[in-house]
Amino acid sequence: MSTADLIRQRLAVLEPETFTLEDESAQHKGHAGAASGGGHFRLTLVSPRFRNLSTLARHRLVYESMGELMQREIHALSITALTPEEL
């Protein structure tokens, strides 16, 4: 299973209405952090689960959902986390 598939699977718990994931790893080729094999991703996630949460709390939910993927498979994750009303 690809890293992108694993990310999608993990984020399903947040009940996303919209999910966009871009693998930007190729743009970071040669970067010291990329040497470990971890990818660079840009995520946009729209979920009603983010209602009444601060940006920090939303990001924490995403990171908690990622679990150990943040230790190996993902080196960098840029997050845009919105509620459906914020679109």
PDB file of N, CA and C in Angstrom:
ATOM      1  N   MET A   1       0.857  -1.182   0.000  1.00  0.00           N
ATOM      2  CA  MET A   1       0.000   0.000   0.000  1.00  0.00           C
ATOM      3  C   MET A   1       0.899   1.241   0.000  1.00  0.00           C
ATOM      4  N   SER A   2       0.576   2.212  -0.830  1.00  0.00           N
ATOM      5  CA  SER A   2       1.387   3.430  -0.919  1.00  0.00           C
ATOM      6  C   SER A   2       1.181   4.306   0.322  1.00  0.00           C
ATOM      7  N   THR A   3       2.103   5.231   0.535  1.00  0.00           N
ATOM      8  CA  THR A   3       1.973   6.170   1.652  1.00  0.00           C
ATOM      9  C   THR A   3       0.703   6.990   1.507  1.00  0.00           C
ATOM     10  N   ALA A   4       0.387   7.416   0.299  1.00  0.00           N
ATOM     11  CA  ALA A   4      -0.843   8.190   0.067  1.00  0.00           C
ATOM     12  C   ALA A   4      -2.076   7.378   0.460  1.00  0.00           C
ATOM     13  N   ASP A   5      -2.077   6.090   0.136  1.00  0.00           N
ATOM     14  CA  ASP A   5      -3.204   5.219   0.507  1.00  0.00           C
ATOM     15  C   ASP A   5      -3.292   5.073   2.025  1.00  0.00           C
ATOM     16  N   LEU A   6      -2.156   4.947   2.681  1.00  0.00           N
ATOM     17  CA  LEU A   6      -2.135   4.840   4.139  1.00  0.00           C
ATOM     18  C   LEU A   6      -2.666   6.117   4.793  1.00  0.00           C
ATOM     19  N   ILE A   7      -2.286   7.261   4.239  1.00  0.00           N
ATOM     20  CA  ILE A   7      -2.772   8.543   4.764  1.00  0.00           C
ATOM     21  C   ILE A   7      -4.283   8.624   4.610  1.00  0.00           C
ATOM     22  N   ARG A   8      -4.795   8.288   3.440  1.00  0.00           N
ATOM     23  CA  ARG A   8      -6.252   8.297   3.211  1.00  0.00           C
ATOM     24  C   ARG A   8      -6.971   7.389   4.200  1.00  0.00           C
ATOM     25  N   GLN A   9      -6.417   6.217   4.394  1.00  0.00           N
ATOM     26  CA  GLN A   9      -7.013   5.239   5.307  1.00  0.00           C
ATOM     27  C   GLN A   9      -7.059   5.788   6.734  1.00  0.00           C
ATOM     28  N   ARG A  10      -5.963   6.376   7.173  1.00  0.00           N
ATOM     29  CA  ARG A  10      -5.898   6.916   8.535  1.00  0.00           C
ATOM     30  C   ARG A  10      -6.845   8.092   8.738  1.00  0.00           C
ATOM     31  N   LEU A  11      -6.983   8.933   7.727  1.00  0.00           N
ATOM     32  CA  LEU A  11      -7.809  10.131   7.866  1.00  0.00           C
ATOM     33  C   LEU A  11      -9.298   9.856   7.730  1.00  0.00           C
ATOM     34  N   ALA A  12      -9.665   8.662   7.359  1.00  0.00           N
ATOM     35  CA  ALA A  12     -11.086   8.304   7.243  1.00  0.00           C
ATOM     36  C   ALA A  12     -11.821   8.512   8.566  1.00  0.00           C
ATOM     37  N   VAL A  13     -11.120   8.390   9.688  1.00  0.00           N
ATOM     38  CA  VAL A  13     -11.753   8.577  11.002  1.00  0.00           C
ATOM     39  C   VAL A  13     -12.238  10.005  11.209  1.00  0.00           C
ATOM     40  N   LEU A  14     -11.703  10.947  10.428  1.00  0.00           N
ATOM     41  CA  LEU A  14     -12.118  12.344  10.548  1.00  0.00           C
ATOM     42  C   LEU A  14     -13.317  12.669   9.660  1.00  0.00           C
ATOM     43  N   GLU A  15     -13.850  11.658   8.987  1.00  0.00           N
ATOM     44  CA  GLU A  15     -15.043  11.795   8.158  1.00  0.00           C
ATOM     45  C   GLU A  15     -14.935  12.949   7.158  1.00  0.00           C
ATOM     46  N   PRO A  16     -13.892  12.935   6.331  1.00  0.00           N
ATOM     47  CA  PRO A  16     -13.697  14.059   5.412  1.00  0.00           C
ATOM     48  C   PRO A  16     -14.779  14.151   4.337  1.00  0.00           C
ATOM     49  N   GLU A  17     -15.213  15.376   4.082  1.00  0.00           N
ATOM     50  CA  GLU A  17     -16.125  15.638   2.964  1.00  0.00           C
ATOM     51  C   GLU A  17     -15.318  15.904   1.705  1.00  0.00           C
ATOM     52  N   THR A  18     -14.151  16.504   1.898  1.00  0.00           N
ATOM     53  CA  THR A  18     -13.226  16.781   0.812  1.00  0.00           C
ATOM     54  C   THR A  18     -11.836  16.416   1.283  1.00  0.00           C
ATOM     55  N   PHE A  19     -11.091  15.777   0.398  1.00  0.00           N
ATOM     56  CA  PHE A  19      -9.751  15.309   0.736  1.00  0.00           C
ATOM     57  C   PHE A  19      -8.865  15.484  -0.487  1.00  0.00           C
ATOM     58  N   THR A  20      -7.819  16.287  -0.353  1.00  0.00           N
ATOM     59  CA  THR A  20      -6.857  16.462  -1.433  1.00  0.00           C
ATOM     60  C   THR A  20      -5.473  16.244  -0.858  1.00  0.00           C
ATOM     61  N   LEU A  21      -4.707  15.372  -1.486  1.00  0.00           N
ATOM     62  CA  LEU A  21      -3.363  15.078  -1.021  1.00  0.00           C
ATOM     63  C   LEU A  21      -2.407  15.181  -2.201  1.00  0.00           C
ATOM     64  N   GLU A  22      -1.403  16.019  -2.058  1.00  0.00           N
ATOM     65  CA  GLU A  22      -0.388  16.180  -3.100  1.00  0.00           C
ATOM     66  C   GLU A  22       0.946  15.679  -2.560  1.00  0.00           C
ATOM     67  N   ASP A  23       1.593  14.828  -3.309  1.00  0.00           N
ATOM     68  CA  ASP A  23       2.923  14.345  -2.950  1.00  0.00           C
ATOM     69  C   ASP A  23       3.935  15.303  -3.565  1.00  0.00           C
ATOM     70  N   GLU A  24       4.608  16.066  -2.724  1.00  0.00           N
ATOM     71  CA  GLU A  24       5.582  17.051  -3.176  1.00  0.00           C
ATOM     72  C   GLU A  24       7.014  16.562  -2.961  1.00  0.00           C
ATOM     73  N   SER A  25       7.174  15.278  -2.746  1.00  0.00           N
ATOM     74  CA  SER A  25       8.485  14.709  -2.435  1.00  0.00           C
ATOM     75  C   SER A  25       9.525  15.010  -3.507  1.00  0.00           C
ATOM     76  N   ALA A  26       9.137  14.962  -4.762  1.00  0.00           N
ATOM     77  CA  ALA A  26      10.091  15.185  -5.853  1.00  0.00           C
ATOM     78  C   ALA A  26      10.695  16.586  -5.792  1.00  0.00           C
ATOM     79  N   GLN A  27       9.952  17.536  -5.253  1.00  0.00           N
ATOM     80  CA  GLN A  27      10.445  18.911  -5.140  1.00  0.00           C
ATOM     81  C   GLN A  27      11.519  19.043  -4.061  1.00  0.00           C
ATOM     82  N   HIS A  28      11.631  18.037  -3.209  1.00  0.00           N
ATOM     83  CA  HIS A  28      12.562  18.098  -2.078  1.00  0.00           C
ATOM     84  C   HIS A  28      13.702  17.099  -2.207  1.00  0.00           C
ATOM     85  N   LYS A  29      13.882  16.591  -3.399  1.00  0.00           N
ATOM     86  CA  LYS A  29      14.951  15.635  -3.652  1.00  0.00           C
ATOM     87  C   LYS A  29      16.287  16.252  -3.249  1.00  0.00           C
ATOM     88  N   GLY A  30      17.093  15.499  -2.512  1.00  0.00           N
ATOM     89  CA  GLY A  30      18.383  15.993  -2.071  1.00  0.00           C
ATOM     90  C   GLY A  30      18.324  16.715  -0.742  1.00  0.00           C
ATOM     91  N   HIS A  31      17.144  17.025  -0.265  1.00  0.00           N
ATOM     92  CA  HIS A  31      16.952  17.668   1.037  1.00  0.00           C
ATOM     93  C   HIS A  31      17.353  16.680   2.115  1.00  0.00           C
ATOM     94  N   ALA A  32      18.109  17.122   3.115  1.00  0.00           N
ATOM     95  CA  ALA A  32      18.623  16.224   4.159  1.00  0.00           C
ATOM     96  C   ALA A  32      17.514  15.421   4.828  1.00  0.00           C
ATOM     97  N   GLY A  33      16.369  16.040   5.089  1.00  0.00           N
ATOM     98  CA  GLY A  33      15.263  15.338   5.737  1.00  0.00           C
ATOM     99  C   GLY A  33      14.651  14.266   4.873  1.00  0.00           C
ATOM    100  N   ALA A  34      14.763  14.428   3.569  1.00  0.00           N
ATOM    101  CA  ALA A  34      14.192  13.450   2.648  1.00  0.00           C
ATOM    102  C   ALA A  34      15.079  12.217   2.525  1.00  0.00           C
ATOM    103  N   ALA A  35      16.308  12.309   2.987  1.00  0.00           N
ATOM    104  CA  ALA A  35      17.245  11.182   2.885  1.00  0.00           C
ATOM    105  C   ALA A  35      16.751   9.954   3.640  1.00  0.00           C
ATOM    106  N   SER A  36      15.947  10.170   4.673  1.00  0.00           N
ATOM    107  CA  SER A  36      15.416   9.054   5.465  1.00  0.00           C
ATOM    108  C   SER A  36      14.331   8.294   4.717  1.00  0.00           C
ATOM    109  N   GLY A  37      13.878   8.837   3.584  1.00  0.00           N
ATOM    110  CA  GLY A  37      12.847   8.176   2.795  1.00  0.00           C
ATOM    111  C   GLY A  37      11.452   8.708   3.050  1.00  0.00           C
ATOM    112  N   GLY A  38      11.305   9.575   4.060  1.00  0.00           N
ATOM    113  CA  GLY A  38      10.000  10.150   4.358  1.00  0.00           C
ATOM    114  C   GLY A  38       9.581  11.141   3.292  1.00  0.00           C
ATOM    115  N   GLY A  39       8.297  11.134   2.948  1.00  0.00           N
ATOM    116  CA  GLY A  39       7.785  12.002   1.902  1.00  0.00           C
ATOM    117  C   GLY A  39       7.335  13.363   2.404  1.00  0.00           C
ATOM    118  N   HIS A  40       7.178  14.286   1.476  1.00  0.00           N
ATOM    119  CA  HIS A  40       6.659  15.625   1.727  1.00  0.00           C
ATOM    120  C   HIS A  40       5.269  15.697   1.092  1.00  0.00           C
ATOM    121  N   PHE A  41       4.263  16.024   1.896  1.00  0.00           N
ATOM    122  CA  PHE A  41       2.894  16.037   1.412  1.00  0.00           C
ATOM    123  C   PHE A  41       2.195  17.345   1.764  1.00  0.00           C
ATOM    124  N   ARG A  42       1.243  17.731   0.908  1.00  0.00           N
ATOM    125  CA  ARG A  42       0.361  18.882   1.149  1.00  0.00           C
ATOM    126  C   ARG A  42      -1.061  18.342   1.203  1.00  0.00           C
ATOM    127  N   LEU A  43      -1.730  18.586   2.327  1.00  0.00           N
ATOM    128  CA  LEU A  43      -3.056  18.034   2.582  1.00  0.00           C
ATOM    129  C   LEU A  43      -4.081  19.147   2.756  1.00  0.00           C
ATOM    130  N   THR A  44      -5.201  19.008   2.080  1.00  0.00           N
ATOM    131  CA  THR A  44      -6.367  19.858   2.329  1.00  0.00           C
ATOM    132  C   THR A  44      -7.494  18.924   2.713  1.00  0.00           C
ATOM    133  N   LEU A  45      -8.050  19.169   3.884  1.00  0.00           N
ATOM    134  CA  LEU A  45      -9.073  18.286   4.435  1.00  0.00           C
ATOM    135  C   LEU A  45     -10.236  19.129   4.939  1.00  0.00           C
ATOM    136  N   VAL A  46     -11.436  18.802   4.487  1.00  0.00           N
ATOM    137  CA  VAL A  46     -12.647  19.482   4.941  1.00  0.00           C
ATOM    138  C   VAL A  46     -13.474  18.462   5.706  1.00  0.00           C
ATOM    139  N   SER A  47     -13.753  18.791   6.965  1.00  0.00           N
ATOM    140  CA  SER A  47     -14.484  17.852   7.807  1.00  0.00           C
ATOM    141  C   SER A  47     -15.343  18.592   8.833  1.00  0.00           C
ATOM    142  N   PRO A  48     -16.547  18.100   9.076  1.00  0.00           N
ATOM    143  CA  PRO A  48     -17.369  18.697  10.128  1.00  0.00           C
ATOM    144  C   PRO A  48     -16.762  18.472  11.517  1.00  0.00           C
ATOM    145  N   ARG A  49     -15.843  17.539  11.632  1.00  0.00           N
ATOM    146  CA  ARG A  49     -15.177  17.263  12.915  1.00  0.00           C
ATOM    147  C   ARG A  49     -14.303  18.426  13.372  1.00  0.00           C
ATOM    148  N   PHE A  50     -14.007  19.362  12.468  1.00  0.00           N
ATOM    149  CA  PHE A  50     -13.168  20.511  12.817  1.00  0.00           C
ATOM    150  C   PHE A  50     -13.969  21.682  13.385  1.00  0.00           C
ATOM    151  N   ARG A  51     -15.281  21.566  13.395  1.00  0.00           N
ATOM    152  CA  ARG A  51     -16.114  22.660  13.912  1.00  0.00           C
ATOM    153  C   ARG A  51     -15.735  22.975  15.354  1.00  0.00           C
ATOM    154  N   ASN A  52     -15.681  24.264  15.628  1.00  0.00           N
ATOM    155  CA  ASN A  52     -15.396  24.783  16.977  1.00  0.00           C
ATOM    156  C   ASN A  52     -13.998  24.429  17.485  1.00  0.00           C
ATOM    157  N   LEU A  53     -13.095  24.052  16.594  1.00  0.00           N
ATOM    158  CA  LEU A  53     -11.716  23.761  16.989  1.00  0.00           C
ATOM    159  C   LEU A  53     -10.785  24.822  16.426  1.00  0.00           C
ATOM    160  N   SER A  54      -9.759  25.155  17.187  1.00  0.00           N
ATOM    161  CA  SER A  54      -8.736  26.077  16.705  1.00  0.00           C
ATOM    162  C   SER A  54      -7.902  25.389  15.626  1.00  0.00           C
ATOM    163  N   THR A  55      -7.118  26.161  14.921  1.00  0.00           N
ATOM    164  CA  THR A  55      -6.225  25.596  13.911  1.00  0.00           C
ATOM    165  C   THR A  55      -5.294  24.576  14.551  1.00  0.00           C
ATOM    166  N   LEU A  56      -4.749  24.895  15.705  1.00  0.00           N
ATOM    167  CA  LEU A  56      -3.843  23.979  16.398  1.00  0.00           C
ATOM    168  C   LEU A  56      -4.546  22.663  16.748  1.00  0.00           C
ATOM    169  N   ALA A  57      -5.759  22.738  17.256  1.00  0.00           N
ATOM    170  CA  ALA A  57      -6.506  21.526  17.611  1.00  0.00           C
ATOM    171  C   ALA A  57      -6.820  20.686  16.373  1.00  0.00           C
ATOM    172  N   ARG A  58      -7.110  21.338  15.268  1.00  0.00           N
ATOM    173  CA  ARG A  58      -7.373  20.622  14.020  1.00  0.00           C
ATOM    174  C   ARG A  58      -6.128  19.869  13.563  1.00  0.00           C
ATOM    175  N   HIS A  59      -4.998  20.554  13.604  1.00  0.00           N
ATOM    176  CA  HIS A  59      -3.740  19.921  13.203  1.00  0.00           C
ATOM    177  C   HIS A  59      -3.388  18.757  14.121  1.00  0.00           C
ATOM    178  N   ARG A  60      -3.649  18.919  15.402  1.00  0.00           N
ATOM    179  CA  ARG A  60      -3.388  17.819  16.344  1.00  0.00           C
ATOM    180  C   ARG A  60      -4.226  16.595  16.000  1.00  0.00           C
ATOM    181  N   LEU A  61      -5.480  16.802  15.638  1.00  0.00           N
ATOM    182  CA  LEU A  61      -6.338  15.683  15.236  1.00  0.00           C
ATOM    183  C   LEU A  61      -5.750  14.950  14.025  1.00  0.00           C
ATOM    184  N   VAL A  62      -5.270  15.723  13.066  1.00  0.00           N
ATOM    185  CA  VAL A  62      -4.669  15.119  11.877  1.00  0.00           C
ATOM    186  C   VAL A  62      -3.422  14.329  12.270  1.00  0.00           C
ATOM    187  N   TYR A  63      -2.538  14.946  13.057  1.00  0.00           N
ATOM    188  CA  TYR A  63      -1.306  14.263  13.468  1.00  0.00           C
ATOM    189  C   TYR A  63      -1.595  13.008  14.283  1.00  0.00           C
ATOM    190  N   GLU A  64      -2.583  13.078  15.173  1.00  0.00           N
ATOM    191  CA  GLU A  64      -2.968  11.891  15.956  1.00  0.00           C
ATOM    192  C   GLU A  64      -3.456  10.785  15.039  1.00  0.00           C
ATOM    193  N   SER A  65      -4.204  11.148  14.012  1.00  0.00           N
ATOM    194  CA  SER A  65      -4.706  10.162  13.060  1.00  0.00           C
ATOM    195  C   SER A  65      -3.570   9.509  12.272  1.00  0.00           C
ATOM    196  N   MET A  66      -2.522  10.271  12.009  1.00  0.00           N
ATOM    197  CA  MET A  66      -1.377   9.746  11.257  1.00  0.00           C
ATOM    198  C   MET A  66      -0.561   8.732  12.065  1.00  0.00           C
ATOM    199  N   GLY A  67      -0.529   8.891  13.377  1.00  0.00           N
ATOM    200  CA  GLY A  67       0.209   7.955  14.228  1.00  0.00           C
ATOM    201  C   GLY A  67       1.664   7.817  13.816  1.00  0.00           C
ATOM    202  N   GLU A  68       2.125   6.579  13.735  1.00  0.00           N
ATOM    203  CA  GLU A  68       3.543   6.309  13.451  1.00  0.00           C
ATOM    204  C   GLU A  68       3.960   6.658  12.028  1.00  0.00           C
ATOM    205  N   LEU A  69       3.003   6.957  11.142  1.00  0.00           N
ATOM    206  CA  LEU A  69       3.379   7.390   9.792  1.00  0.00           C
ATOM    207  C   LEU A  69       4.236   8.653   9.843  1.00  0.00           C
ATOM    208  N   MET A  70       4.004   9.484  10.878  1.00  0.00           N
ATOM    209  CA  MET A  70       4.778  10.720  11.018  1.00  0.00           C
ATOM    210  C   MET A  70       6.222  10.444  11.436  1.00  0.00           C
ATOM    211  N   GLN A  71       6.514   9.239  11.852  1.00  0.00           N
ATOM    212  CA  GLN A  71       7.868   8.897  12.287  1.00  0.00           C
ATOM    213  C   GLN A  71       8.738   8.381  11.149  1.00  0.00           C
ATOM    214  N   ARG A  72       8.109   7.811  10.110  1.00  0.00           N
ATOM    215  CA  ARG A  72       8.884   7.182   9.034  1.00  0.00           C
ATOM    216  C   ARG A  72       8.445   7.615   7.647  1.00  0.00           C
ATOM    217  N   GLU A  73       7.225   7.316   7.300  1.00  0.00           N
ATOM    218  CA  GLU A  73       6.750   7.521   5.928  1.00  0.00           C
ATOM    219  C   GLU A  73       6.572   8.991   5.551  1.00  0.00           C
ATOM    220  N   ILE A  74       6.295   9.830   6.546  1.00  0.00           N
ATOM    221  CA  ILE A  74       6.049  11.254   6.289  1.00  0.00           C
ATOM    222  C   ILE A  74       7.124  12.079   6.978  1.00  0.00           C
ATOM    223  N   HIS A  75       7.848  12.844   6.177  1.00  0.00           N
ATOM    224  CA  HIS A  75       8.844  13.756   6.739  1.00  0.00           C
ATOM    225  C   HIS A  75       8.224  15.129   6.997  1.00  0.00           C
ATOM    226  N   ALA A  76       7.377  15.574   6.067  1.00  0.00           N
ATOM    227  CA  ALA A  76       6.754  16.894   6.181  1.00  0.00           C
ATOM    228  C   ALA A  76       5.313  16.815   5.699  1.00  0.00           C
ATOM    229  N   LEU A  77       4.428  17.476   6.456  1.00  0.00           N
ATOM    230  CA  LEU A  77       3.011  17.479   6.108  1.00  0.00           C
ATOM    231  C   LEU A  77       2.475  18.891   6.281  1.00  0.00           C
ATOM    232  N   SER A  78       2.106  19.525   5.175  1.00  0.00           N
ATOM    233  CA  SER A  78       1.492  20.847   5.193  1.00  0.00           C
ATOM    234  C   SER A  78      -0.022  20.626   5.234  1.00  0.00           C
ATOM    235  N   ILE A  79      -0.692  21.209   6.222  1.00  0.00           N
ATOM    236  CA  ILE A  79      -2.112  20.925   6.455  1.00  0.00           C
ATOM    237  C   ILE A  79      -2.970  22.169   6.303  1.00  0.00           C
ATOM    238  N   THR A  80      -4.031  22.052   5.524  1.00  0.00           N
ATOM    239  CA  THR A  80      -5.122  23.020   5.509  1.00  0.00           C
ATOM    240  C   THR A  80      -6.341  22.242   5.971  1.00  0.00           C
ATOM    241  N   ALA A  81      -6.859  22.589   7.142  1.00  0.00           N
ATOM    242  CA  ALA A  81      -7.981  21.866   7.749  1.00  0.00           C
ATOM    243  C   ALA A  81      -9.158  22.832   7.915  1.00  0.00           C
ATOM    244  N   LEU A  82     -10.240  22.553   7.212  1.00  0.00           N
ATOM    245  CA  LEU A  82     -11.402  23.449   7.191  1.00  0.00           C
ATOM    246  C   LEU A  82     -12.684  22.717   7.541  1.00  0.00           C
ATOM    247  N   THR A  83     -13.668  23.496   7.977  1.00  0.00           N
ATOM    248  CA  THR A  83     -15.017  22.955   8.122  1.00  0.00           C
ATOM    249  C   THR A  83     -15.745  23.170   6.806  1.00  0.00           C
ATOM    250  N   PRO A  84     -16.848  22.464   6.571  1.00  0.00           N
ATOM    251  CA  PRO A  84     -17.597  22.676   5.317  1.00  0.00           C
ATOM    252  C   PRO A  84     -18.032  24.135   5.137  1.00  0.00           C
ATOM    253  N   GLU A  85     -18.311  24.826   6.230  1.00  0.00           N
ATOM    254  CA  GLU A  85     -18.760  26.221   6.153  1.00  0.00           C
ATOM    255  C   GLU A  85     -17.639  27.166   5.732  1.00  0.00           C
ATOM    256  N   GLU A  86     -16.417  26.758   5.896  1.00  0.00           N
ATOM    257  CA  GLU A  86     -15.275  27.622   5.583  1.00  0.00           C
ATOM    258  C   GLU A  86     -14.833  27.537   4.118  1.00  0.00           C
ATOM    259  N   LEU A  87     -15.461  26.695   3.348  1.00  0.00           N
ATOM    260  CA  LEU A  87     -15.102  26.584   1.928  1.00  0.00           C
ATOM    261  C   LEU A  87     -15.499  27.813   1.155  1.00  0.00           C
TER     262      LEU A  87
END
